[in-house]
């Protein structure tokens, strides 16, 4: 992704991103942040379906909150910052 695209995405507020990804998107990020790394684990430890993953994962990747593929996901620094803000973990 080009840096101009990344900086544009980074300028979205946490509230805007929250509305874009919804509760399930936040749940997915939280699960990945806590150690679920692939589709199997995400479905096993939540009520999220494969259909939901097929929609939410590309969105999270487009917003630069997540990297990887179905064999292994990793939350980005921007994703960590977003979770801290939206879940009230920041100082």
C-alpha atoms as a PDB file:
ATOM      1  CA  UNK A   1       0.000   0.000   0.000  1.00  0.00           C
ATOM      2  CA  UNK A   2       1.326   3.434  -0.862  1.00  0.00           C
ATOM      3  CA  UNK A   3       2.148   5.803   1.980  1.00  0.00           C
ATOM      4  CA  UNK A   4      -0.437   8.360   0.811  1.00  0.00           C
ATOM      5  CA  UNK A   5      -3.151   5.695   1.092  1.00  0.00           C
ATOM      6  CA  UNK A   6      -1.915   4.690   4.548  1.00  0.00           C
ATOM      7  CA  UNK A   7      -1.890   8.260   5.805  1.00  0.00           C
ATOM      8  CA  UNK A   8      -5.416   8.815   4.468  1.00  0.00           C
ATOM      9  CA  UNK A   9      -6.652   5.719   6.262  1.00  0.00           C
ATOM     10  CA  UNK A  10      -4.814   6.712   9.435  1.00  0.00           C
ATOM     11  CA  UNK A  11      -6.704  10.018   9.485  1.00  0.00           C
ATOM     12  CA  UNK A  12     -10.057   8.280  10.082  1.00  0.00           C
ATOM     13  CA  UNK A  13     -11.170   8.701  13.665  1.00  0.00           C
ATOM     14  CA  UNK A  14     -11.566   5.679  15.903  1.00  0.00           C
ATOM     15  CA  UNK A  15     -15.308   6.381  15.919  1.00  0.00           C
ATOM     16  CA  UNK A  16     -15.481   6.317  12.104  1.00  0.00           C
ATOM     17  CA  UNK A  17     -13.561   3.044  11.955  1.00  0.00           C
ATOM     18  CA  UNK A  18     -15.792   1.613  14.681  1.00  0.00           C
ATOM     19  CA  UNK A  19     -18.856   2.332  12.534  1.00  0.00           C
ATOM     20  CA  UNK A  20     -17.207   0.917   9.415  1.00  0.00           C
ATOM     21  CA  UNK A  21     -16.160  -2.412  10.937  1.00  0.00           C
ATOM     22  CA  UNK A  22     -18.938  -2.862  13.499  1.00  0.00           C
ATOM     23  CA  UNK A  23     -18.962  -5.000  16.603  1.00  0.00           C
ATOM     24  CA  UNK A  24     -17.836  -8.141  14.804  1.00  0.00           C
ATOM     25  CA  UNK A  25     -14.857  -6.334  13.305  1.00  0.00           C
ATOM     26  CA  UNK A  26     -13.825  -5.198  16.777  1.00  0.00           C
ATOM     27  CA  UNK A  27     -14.327  -8.750  18.072  1.00  0.00           C
ATOM     28  CA  UNK A  28     -12.140 -10.123  15.271  1.00  0.00           C
ATOM     29  CA  UNK A  29      -9.358  -7.646  16.015  1.00  0.00           C
ATOM     30  CA  UNK A  30      -9.555  -8.472  19.721  1.00  0.00           C
ATOM     31  CA  UNK A  31      -9.358 -12.210  19.050  1.00  0.00           C
ATOM     32  CA  UNK A  32      -6.354 -11.768  16.769  1.00  0.00           C
ATOM     33  CA  UNK A  33      -4.693  -9.481  19.297  1.00  0.00           C
ATOM     34  CA  UNK A  34      -5.240 -12.181  21.944  1.00  0.00           C
ATOM     35  CA  UNK A  35      -3.623 -14.903  19.840  1.00  0.00           C
ATOM     36  CA  UNK A  36      -6.117 -16.339  17.334  1.00  0.00           C
ATOM     37  CA  UNK A  37      -4.143 -16.343  14.117  1.00  0.00           C
ATOM     38  CA  UNK A  38      -6.217 -18.131  11.469  1.00  0.00           C
ATOM     39  CA  UNK A  39      -9.785 -18.686  10.250  1.00  0.00           C
ATOM     40  CA  UNK A  40     -10.137 -21.975  12.134  1.00  0.00           C
ATOM     41  CA  UNK A  41      -9.220 -20.421  15.495  1.00  0.00           C
ATOM     42  CA  UNK A  42     -11.375 -17.339  14.904  1.00  0.00           C
ATOM     43  CA  UNK A  43     -14.420 -19.524  14.202  1.00  0.00           C
ATOM     44  CA  UNK A  44     -13.632 -21.885  17.065  1.00  0.00           C
ATOM     45  CA  UNK A  45     -13.357 -19.210  19.769  1.00  0.00           C
ATOM     46  CA  UNK A  46     -16.262 -17.043  18.638  1.00  0.00           C
ATOM     47  CA  UNK A  47     -19.635 -17.202  16.938  1.00  0.00           C
ATOM     48  CA  UNK A  48     -18.224 -15.672  13.750  1.00  0.00           C
ATOM     49  CA  UNK A  49     -19.016 -17.570  10.548  1.00  0.00           C
ATOM     50  CA  UNK A  50     -16.811 -18.068   7.494  1.00  0.00           C
ATOM     51  CA  UNK A  51     -19.131 -15.742   5.567  1.00  0.00           C
ATOM     52  CA  UNK A  52     -18.479 -12.989   8.084  1.00  0.00           C
ATOM     53  CA  UNK A  53     -14.724 -13.592   7.894  1.00  0.00           C
ATOM     54  CA  UNK A  54     -14.906 -13.392   4.100  1.00  0.00           C
ATOM     55  CA  UNK A  55     -16.349  -9.878   4.433  1.00  0.00           C
ATOM     56  CA  UNK A  56     -14.643  -8.481   7.545  1.00  0.00           C
ATOM     57  CA  UNK A  57     -11.049  -9.636   6.997  1.00  0.00           C
ATOM     58  CA  UNK A  58     -10.624  -7.799   3.649  1.00  0.00           C
ATOM     59  CA  UNK A  59     -12.156  -4.672   5.217  1.00  0.00           C
ATOM     60  CA  UNK A  60      -9.772  -4.823   8.197  1.00  0.00           C
ATOM     61  CA  UNK A  61      -6.846  -5.304   5.816  1.00  0.00           C
ATOM     62  CA  UNK A  62      -7.975  -2.394   3.610  1.00  0.00           C
ATOM     63  CA  UNK A  63      -8.094  -0.151   6.679  1.00  0.00           C
ATOM     64  CA  UNK A  64      -4.549  -1.323   7.580  1.00  0.00           C
ATOM     65  CA  UNK A  65      -5.702  -2.760  10.905  1.00  0.00           C
ATOM     66  CA  UNK A  66      -4.659  -6.300   9.974  1.00  0.00           C
ATOM     67  CA  UNK A  67      -2.124  -8.118   7.790  1.00  0.00           C
ATOM     68  CA  UNK A  68      -1.765 -11.720   6.643  1.00  0.00           C
ATOM     69  CA  UNK A  69      -3.954 -14.372   5.054  1.00  0.00           C
ATOM     70  CA  UNK A  70      -6.243 -17.214   6.175  1.00  0.00           C
ATOM     71  CA  UNK A  71      -3.200 -19.191   7.387  1.00  0.00           C
ATOM     72  CA  UNK A  72      -2.047 -16.428   9.727  1.00  0.00           C
ATOM     73  CA  UNK A  73      -3.266 -12.951  10.656  1.00  0.00           C
ATOM     74  CA  UNK A  74      -1.426 -10.298  12.597  1.00  0.00           C
ATOM     75  CA  UNK A  75      -2.762  -7.065  14.011  1.00  0.00           C
ATOM     76  CA  UNK A  76      -0.877  -3.952  12.865  1.00  0.00           C
ATOM     77  CA  UNK A  77       0.321  -1.063  15.028  1.00  0.00           C
ATOM     78  CA  UNK A  78      -2.641   0.940  13.740  1.00  0.00           C
ATOM     79  CA  UNK A  79      -4.931  -1.930  14.741  1.00  0.00           C
ATOM     80  CA  UNK A  80      -3.419  -1.988  18.240  1.00  0.00           C
ATOM     81  CA  UNK A  81      -3.903   1.768  18.571  1.00  0.00           C
ATOM     82  CA  UNK A  82      -7.495   1.491  17.374  1.00  0.00           C
ATOM     83  CA  UNK A  83      -8.280  -1.236  19.928  1.00  0.00           C
ATOM     84  CA  UNK A  84      -6.690   0.805  22.695  1.00  0.00           C
ATOM     85  CA  UNK A  85      -8.850   3.800  21.824  1.00  0.00           C
ATOM     86  CA  UNK A  86     -12.116   1.999  21.213  1.00  0.00           C
ATOM     87  CA  UNK A  87     -11.833  -0.307  24.225  1.00  0.00           C
ATOM     88  CA  UNK A  88     -10.546   2.436  26.539  1.00  0.00           C
ATOM     89  CA  UNK A  89      -7.120   0.915  27.114  1.00  0.00           C
ATOM     90  CA  UNK A  90      -5.134   4.056  26.405  1.00  0.00           C
ATOM     91  CA  UNK A  91      -3.858   6.329  29.158  1.00  0.00           C
END
